[in-house]
PDB file of N, CA and C in Angstrom:
ATOM      1  N   MET A   1       2.818 -12.867 -36.631  1.00  0.00           N
ATOM      2  CA  MET A   1       3.686 -12.350 -35.738  1.00  0.00           C
ATOM      3  C   MET A   1       3.167 -10.947 -34.988  1.00  0.00           C
ATOM      4  N   GLY A   2       1.670 -10.829 -35.067  1.00  0.00           N
ATOM      5  CA  GLY A   2       0.992  -9.944 -34.232  1.00  0.00           C
ATOM      6  C   GLY A   2       1.500  -9.638 -32.783  1.00  0.00           C
ATOM      7  N   TRP A   3       0.886 -10.875 -32.136  1.00  0.00           N
ATOM      8  CA  TRP A   3       1.117 -11.310 -30.594  1.00  0.00           C
ATOM      9  C   TRP A   3       2.265 -10.968 -30.345  1.00  0.00           C
ATOM     10  N   PHE A   4       3.631 -11.123 -31.124  1.00  0.00           N
ATOM     11  CA  PHE A   4       4.718 -10.914 -30.656  1.00  0.00           C
ATOM     12  C   PHE A   4       5.358  -9.670 -30.423  1.00  0.00           C
ATOM     13  N   ASP A   5       4.738  -8.923 -31.288  1.00  0.00           N
ATOM     14  CA  ASP A   5       4.952  -7.431 -31.697  1.00  0.00           C
ATOM     15  C   ASP A   5       4.328  -6.864 -30.522  1.00  0.00           C
ATOM     16  N   ARG A   6       2.842  -7.090 -30.091  1.00  0.00           N
ATOM     17  CA  ARG A   6       2.547  -6.539 -28.940  1.00  0.00           C
ATOM     18  C   ARG A   6       3.224  -6.748 -27.658  1.00  0.00           C
ATOM     19  N   LEU A   7       3.680  -8.281 -27.577  1.00  0.00           N
ATOM     20  CA  LEU A   7       4.330  -8.594 -26.305  1.00  0.00           C
ATOM     21  C   LEU A   7       5.642  -7.660 -26.092  1.00  0.00           C
ATOM     22  N   PHE A   8       6.427  -7.810 -27.064  1.00  0.00           N
ATOM     23  CA  PHE A   8       7.793  -7.112 -26.959  1.00  0.00           C
ATOM     24  C   PHE A   8       8.112  -5.676 -27.454  1.00  0.00           C
ATOM     25  N   ARG A   9       6.989  -5.185 -27.791  1.00  0.00           N
ATOM     26  CA  ARG A   9       7.183  -3.795 -28.225  1.00  0.00           C
ATOM     27  C   ARG A   9       7.328  -2.824 -27.152  1.00  0.00           C
ATOM     28  N   ARG A  10       8.524  -2.236 -27.489  1.00  0.00           N
ATOM     29  CA  ARG A  10       9.297  -0.946 -26.303  1.00  0.00           C
ATOM     30  C   ARG A  10       8.293  -0.036 -25.943  1.00  0.00           C
ATOM     31  N   THR A  11       7.531   0.335 -26.572  1.00  0.00           N
ATOM     32  CA  THR A  11       6.783   1.272 -26.463  1.00  0.00           C
ATOM     33  C   THR A  11       5.143   0.994 -26.032  1.00  0.00           C
ATOM     34  N   SER A  12       4.745   0.066 -25.489  1.00  0.00           N
ATOM     35  CA  SER A  12       3.553  -0.551 -25.288  1.00  0.00           C
ATOM     36  C   SER A  12       2.462   0.525 -24.694  1.00  0.00           C
ATOM     37  N   ALA A  13       1.536   1.208 -25.506  1.00  0.00           N
ATOM     38  CA  ALA A  13       0.809   2.103 -24.511  1.00  0.00           C
ATOM     39  C   ALA A  13      -0.030   1.653 -23.617  1.00  0.00           C
ATOM     40  N   PRO A  14      -0.405   0.356 -23.777  1.00  0.00           N
ATOM     41  CA  PRO A  14      -1.630  -0.093 -22.383  1.00  0.00           C
ATOM     42  C   PRO A  14      -0.468  -0.283 -21.035  1.00  0.00           C
ATOM     43  N   THR A  15       0.766  -0.894 -21.556  1.00  0.00           N
ATOM     44  CA  THR A  15       1.364  -1.043 -20.556  1.00  0.00           C
ATOM     45  C   THR A  15       2.272   0.134 -19.774  1.00  0.00           C
ATOM     46  N   THR A  16       2.381   1.145 -20.406  1.00  0.00           N
ATOM     47  CA  THR A  16       2.649   2.493 -19.958  1.00  0.00           C
ATOM     48  C   THR A  16       1.716   3.299 -19.064  1.00  0.00           C
ATOM     49  N   ARG A  17       0.363   2.977 -19.566  1.00  0.00           N
ATOM     50  CA  ARG A  17      -0.826   3.834 -18.967  1.00  0.00           C
ATOM     51  C   ARG A  17      -0.881   2.999 -17.395  1.00  0.00           C
ATOM     52  N   LEU A  18      -0.787   1.650 -17.483  1.00  0.00           N
ATOM     53  CA  LEU A  18      -1.016   0.438 -16.575  1.00  0.00           C
ATOM     54  C   LEU A  18       0.091   1.105 -15.365  1.00  0.00           C
ATOM     55  N   LEU A  19       1.266   1.345 -15.751  1.00  0.00           N
ATOM     56  CA  LEU A  19       2.458   1.447 -14.754  1.00  0.00           C
ATOM     57  C   LEU A  19       2.439   2.878 -14.438  1.00  0.00           C
ATOM     58  N   ALA A  20       1.917   3.898 -15.282  1.00  0.00           N
ATOM     59  CA  ALA A  20       1.845   5.206 -14.756  1.00  0.00           C
ATOM     60  C   ALA A  20       0.772   5.202 -13.755  1.00  0.00           C
ATOM     61  N   ARG A  21      -0.553   4.841 -13.760  1.00  0.00           N
ATOM     62  CA  ARG A  21      -1.726   4.671 -12.889  1.00  0.00           C
ATOM     63  C   ARG A  21      -0.920   4.274 -11.546  1.00  0.00           C
ATOM     64  N   PHE A  22       0.010   3.102 -11.418  1.00  0.00           N
ATOM     65  CA  PHE A  22       0.802   2.703 -10.233  1.00  0.00           C
ATOM     66  C   PHE A  22       1.677   3.801  -9.659  1.00  0.00           C
ATOM     67  N   GLY A  23       2.581   4.476 -10.592  1.00  0.00           N
ATOM     68  CA  GLY A  23       3.462   5.671 -10.007  1.00  0.00           C
ATOM     69  C   GLY A  23       2.329   6.957  -9.432  1.00  0.00           C
ATOM     70  N   ARG A  24       1.361   7.032  -9.940  1.00  0.00           N
ATOM     71  CA  ARG A  24       0.491   8.337  -9.373  1.00  0.00           C
ATOM     72  C   ARG A  24      -0.191   8.011  -8.171  1.00  0.00           C
ATOM     73  N   LYS A  25      -0.227   6.961  -7.632  1.00  0.00           N
ATOM     74  CA  LYS A  25      -0.431   6.786  -6.276  1.00  0.00           C
ATOM     75  C   LYS A  25       0.395   6.939  -4.941  1.00  0.00           C
ATOM     76  N   SER A  26      -0.066   7.893  -4.183  1.00  0.00           N
ATOM     77  CA  SER A  26       1.043   8.219  -3.079  1.00  0.00           C
ATOM     78  C   SER A  26       0.590   7.483  -1.643  1.00  0.00           C
ATOM     79  N   ARG A  27       1.472   7.133  -0.889  1.00  0.00           N
ATOM     80  CA  ARG A  27       1.094   6.777   0.270  1.00  0.00           C
ATOM     81  C   ARG A  27       1.076   7.552   1.380  1.00  0.00           C
ATOM     82  N   ALA A  28      -0.085   7.083   2.134  1.00  0.00           N
ATOM     83  CA  ALA A  28      -0.169   8.361   3.502  1.00  0.00           C
ATOM     84  C   ALA A  28       1.193   8.388   4.253  1.00  0.00           C
ATOM     85  N   PRO A  29       1.410   9.188   4.826  1.00  0.00           N
ATOM     86  CA  PRO A  29       2.442   9.434   5.824  1.00  0.00           C
ATOM     87  C   PRO A  29       2.147   8.426   7.169  1.00  0.00           C
ATOM     88  N   THR A  30       3.001   7.655   7.749  1.00  0.00           N
ATOM     89  CA  THR A  30       3.190   6.720   8.719  1.00  0.00           C
ATOM     90  C   THR A  30       3.006   7.334  10.119  1.00  0.00           C
ATOM     91  N   ASP A  31       2.206   6.992  11.100  1.00  0.00           N
ATOM     92  CA  ASP A  31       2.156   7.745  12.103  1.00  0.00           C
ATOM     93  C   ASP A  31       3.111   6.603  13.436  1.00  0.00           C
ATOM     94  N   PRO A  32       4.552   7.029  13.406  1.00  0.00           N
ATOM     95  CA  PRO A  32       5.364   6.313  14.168  1.00  0.00           C
ATOM     96  C   PRO A  32       4.892   5.591  15.385  1.00  0.00           C
ATOM     97  N   ASP A  33       4.239   6.575  16.108  1.00  0.00           N
ATOM     98  CA  ASP A  33       3.692   6.063  17.545  1.00  0.00           C
ATOM     99  C   ASP A  33       2.929   4.876  17.349  1.00  0.00           C
ATOM    100  N   LEU A  34       1.824   4.843  16.398  1.00  0.00           N
ATOM    101  CA  LEU A  34       1.178   3.741  16.363  1.00  0.00           C
ATOM    102  C   LEU A  34       1.786   2.692  15.705  1.00  0.00           C
ATOM    103  N   LEU A  35       2.719   3.010  14.750  1.00  0.00           N
ATOM    104  CA  LEU A  35       3.459   1.634  14.110  1.00  0.00           C
ATOM    105  C   LEU A  35       4.182   1.181  15.277  1.00  0.00           C
ATOM    106  N   LYS A  36       4.774   2.051  16.254  1.00  0.00           N
ATOM    107  CA  LYS A  36       5.793   1.227  17.192  1.00  0.00           C
ATOM    108  C   LYS A  36       4.873   0.123  18.393  1.00  0.00           C
ATOM    109  N   ILE A  37       3.476   0.883  18.371  1.00  0.00           N
ATOM    110  CA  ILE A  37       2.552   0.140  19.198  1.00  0.00           C
ATOM    111  C   ILE A  37       1.992  -0.974  18.565  1.00  0.00           C
ATOM    112  N   ALA A  38       1.833  -1.355  17.202  1.00  0.00           N
ATOM    113  CA  ALA A  38       1.314  -2.215  16.400  1.00  0.00           C
ATOM    114  C   ALA A  38       2.643  -3.248  16.604  1.00  0.00           C
ATOM    115  N   LYS A  39       3.695  -2.787  15.987  1.00  0.00           N
ATOM    116  CA  LYS A  39       4.908  -3.813  16.213  1.00  0.00           C
ATOM    117  C   LYS A  39       5.182  -4.512  17.529  1.00  0.00           C
ATOM    118  N   ASP A  40       4.882  -4.040  18.653  1.00  0.00           N
ATOM    119  CA  ASP A  40       4.772  -3.952  20.083  1.00  0.00           C
ATOM    120  C   ASP A  40       4.347  -5.332  20.266  1.00  0.00           C
ATOM    121  N   ARG A  41       2.712  -5.084  19.762  1.00  0.00           N
ATOM    122  CA  ARG A  41       1.720  -5.962  20.072  1.00  0.00           C
ATOM    123  C   ARG A  41       1.815  -7.333  18.998  1.00  0.00           C
ATOM    124  N   LYS A  42       2.400  -7.319  17.999  1.00  0.00           N
ATOM    125  CA  LYS A  42       2.108  -8.112  16.955  1.00  0.00           C
ATOM    126  C   LYS A  42       3.501  -8.412  15.937  1.00  0.00           C
ATOM    127  N   GLY A  43       4.307  -7.797  16.644  1.00  0.00           N
ATOM    128  CA  GLY A  43       5.578  -8.166  16.017  1.00  0.00           C
ATOM    129  C   GLY A  43       6.226  -9.516  15.717  1.00  0.00           C
ATOM    130  N   HIS A  44       5.957 -10.364  16.892  1.00  0.00           N
ATOM    131  CA  HIS A  44       6.537 -11.605  16.619  1.00  0.00           C
ATOM    132  C   HIS A  44       5.848 -12.406  15.563  1.00  0.00           C
ATOM    133  N   VAL A  45       4.537 -12.008  15.097  1.00  0.00           N
ATOM    134  CA  VAL A  45       3.536 -12.888  14.456  1.00  0.00           C
ATOM    135  C   VAL A  45       3.794 -12.790  12.716  1.00  0.00           C
ATOM    136  N   SER A  46       3.778 -11.654  12.203  1.00  0.00           N
ATOM    137  CA  SER A  46       3.915 -11.420  10.979  1.00  0.00           C
ATOM    138  C   SER A  46       3.811 -10.105  10.430  1.00  0.00           C
ATOM    139  N   ARG A  47       4.308  -9.602   9.353  1.00  0.00           N
ATOM    140  CA  ARG A  47       4.158  -8.211   9.033  1.00  0.00           C
ATOM    141  C   ARG A  47       2.650  -7.702   8.678  1.00  0.00           C
ATOM    142  N   LYS A  48       2.133  -8.895   7.877  1.00  0.00           N
ATOM    143  CA  LYS A  48       0.735  -8.719   7.804  1.00  0.00           C
ATOM    144  C   LYS A  48       0.068  -8.697   8.834  1.00  0.00           C
ATOM    145  N   ALA A  49      -0.013  -9.045  10.230  1.00  0.00           N
ATOM    146  CA  ALA A  49      -0.265  -8.752  11.573  1.00  0.00           C
ATOM    147  C   ALA A  49       0.053  -7.587  11.848  1.00  0.00           C
ATOM    148  N   VAL A  50       0.930  -7.036  11.912  1.00  0.00           N
ATOM    149  CA  VAL A  50       1.390  -5.915  11.991  1.00  0.00           C
ATOM    150  C   VAL A  50       0.744  -4.591  11.391  1.00  0.00           C
ATOM    151  N   ARG A  51       0.478  -5.103  10.012  1.00  0.00           N
ATOM    152  CA  ARG A  51      -0.226  -3.920   9.325  1.00  0.00           C
ATOM    153  C   ARG A  51      -1.518  -3.961   9.701  1.00  0.00           C
ATOM    154  N   ASN A  52      -2.292  -5.072  10.000  1.00  0.00           N
ATOM    155  CA  ASN A  52      -3.465  -5.039  10.187  1.00  0.00           C
ATOM    156  C   ASN A  52      -3.654  -4.305  11.751  1.00  0.00           C
ATOM    157  N   GLU A  53      -2.860  -4.446  12.626  1.00  0.00           N
ATOM    158  CA  GLU A  53      -3.031  -3.964  13.936  1.00  0.00           C
ATOM    159  C   GLU A  53      -2.623  -2.408  13.786  1.00  0.00           C
ATOM    160  N   TYR A  54      -1.931  -2.032  12.737  1.00  0.00           N
ATOM    161  CA  TYR A  54      -1.669  -0.445  12.413  1.00  0.00           C
ATOM    162  C   TYR A  54      -3.008   0.187  12.140  1.00  0.00           C
ATOM    163  N   ASN A  55      -3.523  -0.830  11.016  1.00  0.00           N
ATOM    164  CA  ASN A  55      -4.811  -0.069  10.174  1.00  0.00           C
ATOM    165  C   ASN A  55      -6.182  -0.046  11.291  1.00  0.00           C
ATOM    166  N   ARG A  56      -6.027  -0.861  12.410  1.00  0.00           N
ATOM    167  CA  ARG A  56      -7.328  -0.862  13.269  1.00  0.00           C
ATOM    168  C   ARG A  56      -6.884   0.210  14.428  1.00  0.00           C
ATOM    169  N   LEU A  57      -5.597   0.427  14.708  1.00  0.00           N
ATOM    170  CA  LEU A  57      -5.187   1.634  15.260  1.00  0.00           C
ATOM    171  C   LEU A  57      -5.472   2.949  14.782  1.00  0.00           C
ATOM    172  N   LEU A  58      -5.237   3.188  13.710  1.00  0.00           N
ATOM    173  CA  LEU A  58      -5.708   4.280  13.159  1.00  0.00           C
ATOM    174  C   LEU A  58      -7.115   4.739  12.969  1.00  0.00           C
ATOM    175  N   LEU A  59      -8.134   3.439  12.534  1.00  0.00           N
ATOM    176  CA  LEU A  59      -9.866   3.584  12.502  1.00  0.00           C
ATOM    177  C   LEU A  59      -9.712   4.124  13.766  1.00  0.00           C
ATOM    178  N   GLU A  60      -9.156   3.455  15.003  1.00  0.00           N
ATOM    179  CA  GLU A  60      -9.699   3.847  16.516  1.00  0.00           C
ATOM    180  C   GLU A  60      -9.349   5.130  16.524  1.00  0.00           C
ATOM    181  N   LYS A  61      -8.352   5.446  16.218  1.00  0.00           N
ATOM    182  CA  LYS A  61      -7.930   7.110  16.549  1.00  0.00           C
ATOM    183  C   LYS A  61      -8.553   7.882  15.810  1.00  0.00           C
ATOM    184  N   TYR A  62      -8.748   7.814  14.745  1.00  0.00           N
ATOM    185  CA  TYR A  62      -9.667   8.837  14.040  1.00  0.00           C
ATOM    186  C   TYR A  62     -11.073   8.700  13.935  1.00  0.00           C
ATOM    187  N   ALA A  63     -11.465   7.664  14.758  1.00  0.00           N
ATOM    188  CA  ALA A  63     -12.835   7.522  14.864  1.00  0.00           C
ATOM    189  C   ALA A  63     -13.396   8.664  16.196  1.00  0.00           C
ATOM    190  N   HIS A  64     -12.405   8.666  17.154  1.00  0.00           N
ATOM    191  CA  HIS A  64     -12.530   9.177  18.161  1.00  0.00           C
ATOM    192  C   HIS A  64     -12.307  10.739  17.652  1.00  0.00           C
ATOM    193  N   ASP A  65     -11.627  11.123  16.958  1.00  0.00           N
ATOM    194  CA  ASP A  65     -11.677  12.585  16.494  1.00  0.00           C
ATOM    195  C   ASP A  65     -12.780  12.998  15.401  1.00  0.00           C
ATOM    196  N   LYS A  66     -13.535  11.926  15.116  1.00  0.00           N
ATOM    197  CA  LYS A  66     -14.791  12.597  14.405  1.00  0.00           C
ATOM    198  C   LYS A  66     -15.774  12.755  15.233  1.00  0.00           C
ATOM    199  N   SER A  67     -16.006  12.049  16.313  1.00  0.00           N
ATOM    200  CA  SER A  67     -16.982  12.141  17.272  1.00  0.00           C
ATOM    201  C   SER A  67     -16.969  13.112  18.339  1.00  0.00           C
TER     202      SER A  67
END
């Protein structure tokens, strides 16, 4: 029954560590202007296409800032 105890134990150490790691990750603030541009360009396709377009616009914006 060891596998049953590991599976249904309330305070499973590996599980709490895994969930704590996801809780620590923070999201970067969203640039509303770039998000609006991405939605206008790719809004009818899919959310994944909008996210990819937004990321491309972010990279383009900050590549110009570094040079």
